[in-house]
Amino acid sequence: MIGALAVCYRQAGWRVIGAAPTARAARELREIAAIPSTTMHRLVAELDRAGSFEPGTVLVIDEAGMAPTRISAALLAQAERTGAKVIAVGDPGQLASVQAGGWLAALSRRQPGPELRDVIRQRDPSERNALKALHDGQPDAYIAHKHDAISVHAAENEAVDAIADEWDAARREHGHTKAVMIARDNHTRELLNQAARGRLKRDGTLPIGGVVVGRREYARGDRVIARRNDRARDVDNGTLGTVIDIDGRSHRMLVQTDSGQRRDLDLVYIVQHVEHAYALTGHGAQGATVTWAGVIGRPEEFTREWAYTSLSRAREQTVLHITGEQPPAELERRRYAPNQPDGGRAEAIAALRRAMKRVEAEPLAVEQSAHQELVKALTGHAMPSRSVVHQDQLGQPPPVRFSSSAPGRTPERSPPKRGPYLSL
């Protein structure tokens, strides 16, 4: 669609360029839509040197739902000064920027634009309809649809073993590039990657002994992901690929990316920025399309944006593995207070439903200010500056979040603070 839009503007005499919040998204915009593209940060730097957009420019911002507010504000201000047209494309229902962001969602609420409402990734029409409801904050249809695909486990290690076994069967059927496990935090992701490699070693897909580089072992056939942009090596953060060779002496690694290109990675980059990729976080999986996906987490971690992003990656089958193991805060509480009984499947599903209704992203500062002014007008009292009430949280218990300082559990992201800019 974006490529066709660019063709129309070019035929009308416009110059079309693209930008995206990540290098991977910018590369896809270049390769799939044939639009000359770069990252938003790099484009701002280029504009600072050049002074402005060229006359008659159309700027396409892809994955705008992930775009940070500050850098977006700089681009939009440049466009306004020079009369460039900006077309922002993205899904405000997916994960937002790790930095302060959310302007596309705010703009969509205040000034709705054209929408593509039909999900086309999933082959099952009932799955598409259930995901559409989940996207809109109505999880009941999705939970009912996936009833038989939701497994509840008493402990995390049980859930890891179960989902790894299902992944193993899926990758045998569909291929190792078409099956992925998705976790909320990096600790669980590492456990899943280790479990996957153990199964691959048992059936001979990977050799028993590989090449240890830094803290990880790699071998021919391993799935890997690059975690940092590097122009010299022509690698983007989020690039997925398969190891086709690794030298035991120099530790140089030859990787074939999922787009079919080869990249030669050296020791320094591998140690610092390469990880196994049988399991990804929600942010790492965002934008990916596979045949089978297994998603794991505690019920309260399936917030509206994270749940939709993670559960909509597969064309054919998605399974959920929910662990009833208490979060670190509750385990710490149990050291000093009487234990409360662990809930069963019904309680886990109820907690999952509550989480799927909870918006993770905070409103923009301008929206918070407007809400505070409304409360003051109605009550005569100002709200505390840190108190923000989301409409879909009224009457619901507060979200349970695990502590970022808890041993062994690294959150994928923390709720960002939101910036004040809103203009397009």
Protein backbone atom coordinates (compact mmCIF):
# COMPACT_ATOMS: atom_id res chain seq x y z
CA MET A 1 0.00 0.00 0.00
CA ILE A 2 2.77 2.46 0.93
CA GLY A 3 4.62 1.66 -2.28
CA ALA A 4 1.51 2.32 -4.37
CA LEU A 5 0.95 5.60 -2.54
CA ALA A 6 4.53 6.65 -3.31
CA VAL A 7 4.04 5.86 -7.01
CA CYS A 8 0.94 8.07 -7.13
CA TYR A 9 2.75 11.02 -5.55
CA ARG A 10 5.75 10.64 -7.85
CA GLN A 11 3.50 10.61 -10.89
CA ALA A 12 1.97 13.84 -9.60
CA GLY A 13 5.41 15.46 -9.47
CA TRP A 14 6.28 15.05 -5.79
CA ARG A 15 9.60 13.86 -4.38
CA VAL A 16 8.91 10.98 -1.95
CA ILE A 17 11.29 10.08 0.87
CA GLY A 18 10.81 7.89 3.92
CA ALA A 19 11.83 7.72 7.55
CA ALA A 20 11.26 5.24 10.37
CA PRO A 21 12.11 5.06 14.07
CA THR A 22 14.37 2.02 13.55
CA ALA A 23 16.99 1.15 10.96
CA ARG A 24 15.29 -2.18 10.30
CA ALA A 25 11.98 -0.48 9.50
CA ALA A 26 13.76 2.06 7.28
CA ARG A 27 15.50 -0.76 5.40
CA GLU A 28 12.16 -2.51 4.82
CA LEU A 29 10.66 0.74 3.57
CA ARG A 30 13.49 0.98 1.04
CA GLU A 31 13.39 -2.65 -0.05
CA ILE A 32 9.66 -3.35 -0.02
CA ALA A 33 8.10 0.02 -0.88
CA ALA A 34 11.04 1.29 -3.01
CA ILE A 35 11.13 4.58 -1.08
CA PRO A 36 14.56 6.12 -0.31
CA SER A 37 14.53 5.95 3.48
CA THR A 38 16.62 6.40 6.58
CA THR A 39 16.05 6.57 10.32
CA MET A 40 14.27 9.58 11.78
CA HIS A 41 17.34 10.54 13.82
CA ARG A 42 19.59 10.44 10.77
CA LEU A 43 17.12 12.44 8.70
CA VAL A 44 16.97 15.17 11.36
CA ALA A 45 20.77 15.35 11.33
CA GLU A 46 20.79 15.61 7.52
CA LEU A 47 18.15 18.36 7.61
CA ASP A 48 20.17 20.28 10.19
CA ARG A 49 23.08 20.28 7.75
CA ALA A 50 21.01 20.95 4.60
CA GLY A 51 18.69 23.49 6.20
CA SER A 52 15.31 22.17 5.05
CA PHE A 53 13.36 19.71 2.92
CA GLU A 54 13.53 20.19 -0.83
CA PRO A 55 10.44 21.85 -2.37
CA GLY A 56 7.65 19.44 -3.26
CA THR A 57 8.66 16.75 -0.76
CA VAL A 58 6.41 14.07 0.69
CA LEU A 59 7.79 12.45 3.84
CA VAL A 60 6.42 9.00 4.70
CA ILE A 61 6.97 8.06 8.35
CA ASP A 62 6.52 4.30 8.69
CA GLU A 63 5.95 2.56 12.05
CA ALA A 64 4.89 5.94 13.40
CA GLY A 65 3.30 4.29 16.42
CA MET A 66 6.84 3.53 17.64
CA ALA A 67 8.24 6.98 16.86
CA PRO A 68 9.64 8.96 19.82
CA THR A 69 7.94 12.30 20.42
CA ARG A 70 11.03 14.54 20.47
CA ILE A 71 12.51 13.40 17.18
CA SER A 72 9.05 13.38 15.58
CA ALA A 73 8.49 16.96 16.72
CA ALA A 74 11.76 18.02 15.08
CA LEU A 75 10.79 16.43 11.75
CA LEU A 76 7.25 17.82 11.80
CA ALA A 77 8.55 21.29 12.64
CA GLN A 78 10.93 21.12 9.65
CA ALA A 79 8.09 19.96 7.42
CA GLU A 80 5.84 22.79 8.60
CA ARG A 81 8.51 25.42 7.93
CA THR A 82 9.19 24.23 4.37
CA GLY A 83 5.72 23.12 3.31
CA ALA A 84 6.57 19.42 3.05
CA LYS A 85 3.69 16.96 3.27
CA VAL A 86 3.91 14.31 6.00
CA ILE A 87 2.14 10.93 5.83
CA ALA A 88 2.38 8.97 9.09
CA VAL A 89 1.63 5.25 8.88
CA GLY A 90 1.46 3.00 11.93
CA ASP A 91 -0.64 1.06 14.40
CA PRO A 92 -1.27 2.87 17.70
CA GLY A 93 -2.52 -0.42 19.11
CA GLN A 94 0.93 -2.02 19.07
CA LEU A 95 3.93 -1.38 21.29
CA ALA A 96 5.00 2.24 21.41
CA SER A 97 8.47 3.74 21.64
CA VAL A 98 10.69 2.80 24.57
CA GLN A 99 11.38 6.54 24.75
CA ALA A 100 8.63 9.10 25.28
CA GLY A 101 6.17 8.62 22.44
CA GLY A 102 2.51 7.95 21.77
CA TRP A 103 1.76 10.96 19.57
CA LEU A 104 0.21 8.85 16.79
CA ALA A 105 -2.24 7.26 19.23
CA ALA A 106 -3.10 10.67 20.69
CA LEU A 107 -3.61 12.14 17.23
CA SER A 108 -5.78 9.19 16.21
CA ARG A 109 -8.00 9.80 19.23
CA ARG A 110 -8.39 13.50 18.55
CA GLN A 111 -8.43 13.54 14.76
CA PRO A 112 -9.16 10.09 13.28
CA GLY A 113 -7.72 9.44 9.82
CA PRO A 114 -8.03 6.64 7.25
CA GLU A 115 -7.76 3.19 8.81
CA LEU A 116 -7.11 -0.33 7.56
CA ARG A 117 -9.26 -2.38 9.91
CA ASP A 118 -9.06 -5.83 8.33
CA VAL A 119 -6.27 -8.09 9.62
CA ILE A 120 -4.81 -10.11 6.76
CA ARG A 121 -1.86 -11.93 8.39
CA GLN A 122 -3.92 -14.71 9.98
CA ARG A 123 -5.48 -17.30 7.66
CA ASP A 124 -8.34 -18.20 10.04
CA PRO A 125 -11.17 -15.61 9.79
CA SER A 126 -12.26 -16.29 13.38
CA GLU A 127 -8.70 -15.65 14.60
CA ARG A 128 -8.65 -12.36 12.68
CA ASN A 129 -11.93 -11.25 14.25
CA ALA A 130 -10.75 -12.21 17.74
CA LEU A 131 -7.50 -10.27 17.27
CA LYS A 132 -9.40 -7.24 16.02
CA ALA A 133 -11.42 -7.24 19.25
CA LEU A 134 -8.24 -7.67 21.30
CA HIS A 135 -6.67 -4.72 19.48
CA ASP A 136 -9.65 -2.59 20.49
CA GLY A 137 -9.38 -3.55 24.17
CA GLN A 138 -12.11 -6.21 24.16
CA PRO A 139 -10.31 -9.46 25.04
CA ASP A 140 -13.31 -11.68 25.83
CA ALA A 141 -13.72 -12.84 22.23
CA TYR A 142 -10.02 -13.65 21.94
CA ILE A 143 -9.86 -15.56 25.22
CA ALA A 144 -12.95 -17.57 24.26
CA HIS A 145 -11.52 -18.29 20.82
CA LYS A 146 -8.14 -19.42 22.25
CA HIS A 147 -9.57 -21.36 25.21
CA ASP A 148 -7.98 -24.66 24.18
CA ALA A 149 -4.68 -22.99 23.26
CA ILE A 150 -4.13 -21.42 26.70
CA SER A 151 -2.07 -23.51 29.12
CA VAL A 152 -1.66 -22.49 32.76
CA HIS A 153 1.39 -23.69 34.71
CA ALA A 154 2.18 -23.53 38.41
CA ALA A 155 5.84 -22.63 37.86
CA GLU A 156 7.88 -20.86 35.19
CA ASN A 157 10.21 -23.79 34.54
CA GLU A 158 7.21 -25.98 33.70
CA ALA A 159 5.94 -23.37 31.26
CA VAL A 160 9.38 -23.03 29.64
CA ASP A 161 9.67 -26.79 29.10
CA ALA A 162 6.15 -27.05 27.69
CA ILE A 163 6.44 -24.17 25.23
CA ALA A 164 9.92 -25.33 24.14
CA ASP A 165 8.51 -28.77 23.35
CA GLU A 166 5.73 -27.23 21.24
CA TRP A 167 8.24 -24.96 19.51
CA ASP A 168 10.40 -28.00 18.71
CA ALA A 169 7.47 -29.74 17.02
CA ALA A 170 6.52 -26.54 15.15
CA ARG A 171 10.01 -25.87 13.79
CA ARG A 172 10.20 -29.49 12.52
CA GLU A 173 6.94 -28.95 10.65
CA HIS A 174 7.37 -25.37 9.42
CA GLY A 175 11.12 -24.70 9.49
CA HIS A 176 13.24 -22.88 12.06
CA THR A 177 12.60 -19.42 10.55
CA LYS A 178 8.83 -19.85 10.76
CA ALA A 179 8.46 -20.70 14.45
CA VAL A 180 9.26 -18.34 17.32
CA MET A 181 8.74 -18.07 21.07
CA ILE A 182 7.92 -14.66 22.55
CA ALA A 183 8.55 -13.60 26.16
CA ARG A 184 7.89 -10.45 28.11
CA ASP A 185 11.32 -10.20 29.78
CA ASN A 186 14.91 -10.96 28.87
CA HIS A 187 15.40 -13.52 31.65
CA THR A 188 12.64 -15.75 30.30
CA ARG A 189 13.85 -15.20 26.75
CA GLU A 190 17.30 -16.50 27.71
CA LEU A 191 15.76 -19.57 29.37
CA LEU A 192 13.76 -20.29 26.22
CA ASN A 193 16.79 -19.92 23.96
CA GLN A 194 18.77 -22.33 26.13
CA ALA A 195 15.89 -24.81 26.10
CA ALA A 196 15.63 -24.57 22.31
CA ARG A 197 19.35 -25.16 21.78
CA GLY A 198 19.25 -28.15 24.11
CA ARG A 199 16.55 -29.77 21.98
CA LEU A 200 18.42 -28.98 18.77
CA LYS A 201 21.55 -30.61 20.17
CA ARG A 202 19.65 -33.72 21.21
CA ASP A 203 18.37 -34.37 17.69
CA GLY A 204 21.67 -33.48 16.01
CA THR A 205 20.53 -30.23 14.36
CA LEU A 206 23.26 -28.42 16.32
CA PRO A 207 26.59 -29.98 17.28
CA ILE A 208 27.16 -30.85 20.93
CA GLY A 209 30.12 -28.48 21.08
CA GLY A 210 30.08 -25.06 19.44
CA VAL A 211 32.25 -21.97 19.50
CA VAL A 212 32.02 -19.91 22.70
CA VAL A 213 32.09 -16.18 22.02
CA GLY A 214 31.74 -14.03 25.09
CA ARG A 215 29.04 -15.55 27.29
CA ARG A 216 27.27 -17.53 24.56
CA GLU A 217 27.93 -20.58 22.46
CA TYR A 218 27.24 -20.51 18.72
CA ALA A 219 27.27 -23.13 15.99
CA ARG A 220 26.40 -23.48 12.34
CA GLY A 221 22.60 -23.45 12.07
CA ASP A 222 21.97 -21.22 15.11
CA ARG A 223 19.28 -18.56 14.89
CA VAL A 224 20.63 -15.14 15.89
CA ILE A 225 19.52 -11.53 16.15
CA ALA A 226 21.64 -8.37 15.90
CA ARG A 227 20.97 -5.85 18.65
CA ARG A 228 22.73 -2.70 17.43
CA ASN A 229 22.80 -0.64 14.24
CA ASP A 230 26.18 -0.65 12.55
CA ARG A 231 26.59 1.08 9.18
CA ALA A 232 30.12 -0.22 8.64
CA ARG A 233 28.96 -3.81 9.00
CA ASP A 234 25.63 -3.06 7.25
CA VAL A 235 23.65 -4.50 10.15
CA ASP A 236 20.44 -3.16 11.71
CA ASN A 237 19.22 -3.57 15.25
CA GLY A 238 16.65 -6.38 15.04
CA THR A 239 18.10 -8.12 11.98
CA LEU A 240 17.33 -11.85 12.19
CA GLY A 241 19.41 -14.52 10.53
CA THR A 242 20.99 -17.98 10.62
CA VAL A 243 24.65 -18.76 11.25
CA ILE A 244 26.10 -20.46 8.17
CA ASP A 245 29.70 -20.53 9.41
CA ILE A 246 31.75 -19.56 12.45
CA ASP A 247 35.52 -19.70 12.77
CA GLY A 248 36.80 -21.29 15.96
CA ARG A 249 40.01 -19.23 15.96
CA SER A 250 39.06 -15.75 14.82
CA HIS A 251 35.46 -16.13 16.04
CA ARG A 252 34.20 -14.43 12.88
CA MET A 253 30.62 -15.34 12.10
CA LEU A 254 28.96 -15.51 8.68
CA VAL A 255 25.22 -14.95 8.92
CA GLN A 256 22.54 -15.22 6.27
CA THR A 257 19.76 -12.79 7.10
CA ASP A 258 16.12 -13.70 6.69
CA SER A 259 16.03 -11.36 3.67
CA GLY A 260 18.69 -13.52 1.98
CA GLN A 261 21.76 -11.29 2.46
CA ARG A 262 25.06 -12.36 3.99
CA ARG A 263 26.77 -10.48 6.78
CA ASP A 264 30.29 -11.07 8.10
CA LEU A 265 30.40 -10.26 11.82
CA ASP A 266 33.59 -9.93 13.85
CA LEU A 267 34.39 -10.84 17.44
CA VAL A 268 33.78 -7.39 18.90
CA TYR A 269 30.31 -7.04 17.43
CA ILE A 270 29.30 -10.62 18.30
CA VAL A 271 30.31 -10.32 21.95
CA GLN A 272 28.46 -7.06 22.46
CA HIS A 273 25.47 -7.20 20.13
CA VAL A 274 24.53 -10.72 18.95
CA GLU A 275 22.06 -13.01 20.75
CA HIS A 276 20.22 -16.25 20.05
CA ALA A 277 16.84 -15.76 18.41
CA TYR A 278 14.72 -18.86 18.96
CA ALA A 279 12.88 -16.67 21.46
CA LEU A 280 12.36 -12.91 21.22
CA THR A 281 10.80 -10.20 23.32
CA GLY A 282 7.64 -8.49 22.12
CA HIS A 283 9.67 -5.56 20.80
CA GLY A 284 12.06 -7.93 19.01
CA ALA A 285 9.15 -9.75 17.38
CA GLN A 286 7.23 -6.62 16.39
CA GLY A 287 6.87 -6.51 12.62
CA ALA A 288 7.73 -10.21 12.18
CA THR A 289 5.48 -12.75 10.46
CA VAL A 290 5.81 -16.46 11.25
CA THR A 291 3.70 -19.57 10.86
CA TRP A 292 3.71 -20.60 14.54
CA ALA A 293 4.18 -18.51 17.68
CA GLY A 294 4.28 -19.47 21.33
CA VAL A 295 3.82 -16.65 23.86
CA ILE A 296 4.75 -17.00 27.53
CA GLY A 297 4.28 -14.79 30.57
CA ARG A 298 2.46 -14.14 33.81
CA PRO A 299 -1.16 -13.03 33.37
CA GLU A 300 -0.56 -9.44 34.48
CA GLU A 301 2.19 -8.99 31.86
CA PHE A 302 -0.25 -9.30 28.93
CA THR A 303 -1.13 -5.61 28.71
CA ARG A 304 -3.28 -4.46 25.82
CA GLU A 305 -0.47 -3.35 23.48
CA TRP A 306 1.96 -6.14 24.39
CA ALA A 307 -0.68 -8.84 24.12
CA TYR A 308 -1.88 -7.71 20.69
CA THR A 309 1.65 -7.30 19.32
CA SER A 310 2.85 -10.68 20.56
CA LEU A 311 -0.29 -12.67 19.80
CA SER A 312 -0.67 -11.43 16.21
CA ARG A 313 2.66 -12.62 14.76
CA ALA A 314 1.59 -16.04 13.42
CA ARG A 315 -0.32 -16.85 10.26
CA GLU A 316 -1.56 -20.23 11.46
CA GLN A 317 -1.16 -21.11 15.15
CA THR A 318 -0.54 -19.12 18.33
CA VAL A 319 -0.40 -20.78 21.74
CA LEU A 320 -0.28 -19.11 25.17
CA HIS A 321 1.57 -20.48 28.18
CA ILE A 322 0.62 -18.67 31.36
CA THR A 323 2.62 -19.15 34.53
CA GLY A 324 0.81 -18.82 37.83
CA GLU A 325 4.09 -18.36 39.67
CA GLN A 326 3.86 -15.28 41.83
CA PRO A 327 5.81 -12.15 40.82
CA PRO A 328 8.87 -11.17 42.90
CA ALA A 329 6.92 -8.54 44.85
CA GLU A 330 4.50 -11.18 46.09
CA LEU A 331 7.30 -13.63 46.87
CA GLU A 332 9.01 -10.91 48.92
CA ARG A 333 5.73 -10.18 50.74
CA ARG A 334 5.40 -13.85 51.66
CA ARG A 335 8.60 -13.65 53.66
CA TYR A 336 6.81 -11.45 56.21
CA ALA A 337 3.09 -12.15 55.79
CA PRO A 338 0.87 -15.25 55.64
CA ASN A 339 0.71 -16.94 52.26
CA GLN A 340 -2.34 -16.48 50.13
CA PRO A 341 -3.47 -19.52 48.15
CA ASP A 342 -2.36 -19.62 44.52
CA GLY A 343 -5.26 -19.34 42.11
CA GLY A 344 -6.05 -21.96 39.54
CA ARG A 345 -6.83 -21.69 35.85
CA ALA A 346 -9.96 -19.58 36.36
CA GLU A 347 -8.11 -16.95 38.39
CA ALA A 348 -5.23 -16.90 35.88
CA ILE A 349 -7.65 -16.36 32.98
CA ALA A 350 -9.44 -13.62 34.91
CA ALA A 351 -6.13 -11.85 35.55
CA LEU A 352 -5.22 -12.27 31.89
CA ARG A 353 -8.51 -10.66 30.85
CA ARG A 354 -7.95 -7.70 33.18
CA ALA A 355 -4.42 -7.16 31.87
CA MET A 356 -5.56 -7.24 28.24
CA LYS A 357 -7.88 -4.31 28.97
CA ARG A 358 -5.13 -2.26 30.59
CA VAL A 359 -3.40 0.34 28.43
CA GLU A 360 0.32 0.34 29.09
CA ALA A 361 1.20 3.63 27.43
CA GLU A 362 0.64 6.83 29.39
CA PRO A 363 -1.20 9.75 27.79
CA LEU A 364 0.71 12.68 26.36
CA ALA A 365 1.36 15.57 28.71
CA VAL A 366 -1.21 17.70 26.86
CA GLU A 367 -3.83 15.00 27.46
CA GLN A 368 -2.92 14.72 31.12
CA SER A 369 -3.18 18.49 31.47
CA ALA A 370 -6.60 18.54 29.83
CA HIS A 371 -7.80 15.73 32.12
CA GLN A 372 -6.54 17.56 35.21
CA GLU A 373 -8.28 20.77 34.14
CA LEU A 374 -11.54 18.83 33.68
CA VAL A 375 -11.28 17.25 37.13
CA LYS A 376 -10.54 20.66 38.66
CA ALA A 377 -13.53 22.20 36.91
CA LEU A 378 -15.84 19.42 38.12
CA THR A 379 -14.55 19.08 41.68
CA GLY A 380 -12.85 22.35 42.46
CA HIS A 381 -9.67 20.46 43.37
CA ALA A 382 -6.57 19.83 41.29
CA MET A 383 -5.40 16.26 40.74
CA PRO A 384 -1.96 15.26 42.02
CA SER A 385 0.49 15.79 39.21
CA ARG A 386 1.47 12.10 39.11
CA SER A 387 -2.08 10.75 39.13
CA VAL A 388 -3.37 9.72 35.73
CA VAL A 389 -6.59 7.73 35.42
CA HIS A 390 -7.20 5.74 32.24
CA GLN A 391 -10.83 5.28 31.28
CA ASP A 392 -10.45 1.52 30.86
CA GLN A 393 -8.90 1.19 34.34
CA LEU A 394 -11.91 2.56 36.22
CA GLY A 395 -13.30 -0.08 38.52
CA GLN A 396 -10.36 -2.43 37.91
CA PRO A 397 -7.61 -3.43 40.31
CA PRO A 398 -4.26 -1.72 39.76
CA PRO A 399 -1.82 -3.50 37.46
CA VAL A 400 0.70 -5.82 39.03
CA ARG A 401 4.23 -5.05 37.83
CA PHE A 402 7.41 -6.95 38.68
CA SER A 403 10.28 -5.01 40.14
CA SER A 404 13.11 -4.11 37.81
CA SER A 405 15.51 -4.69 40.69
CA ALA A 406 14.30 -8.22 41.36
CA PRO A 407 17.04 -10.79 40.84
CA GLY A 408 17.00 -12.57 37.53
CA ARG A 409 14.12 -10.72 35.92
CA THR A 410 14.85 -7.88 33.52
CA PRO A 411 11.75 -6.06 32.26
CA GLU A 412 11.58 -5.66 28.52
CA ARG A 413 10.60 -2.03 28.96
CA SER A 414 9.24 0.35 31.57
CA PRO A 415 6.23 2.59 30.95
CA PRO A 416 7.71 5.70 29.34
CA LYS A 417 7.12 9.29 30.30
CA ARG A 418 5.27 11.13 27.59
CA GLY A 419 6.29 14.34 25.90
CA PRO A 420 4.19 17.42 25.28
CA TYR A 421 4.23 17.65 21.50
CA LEU A 422 1.16 17.01 19.39
CA SER A 423 0.99 18.49 15.91
CA LEU A 424 0.64 17.25 12.38
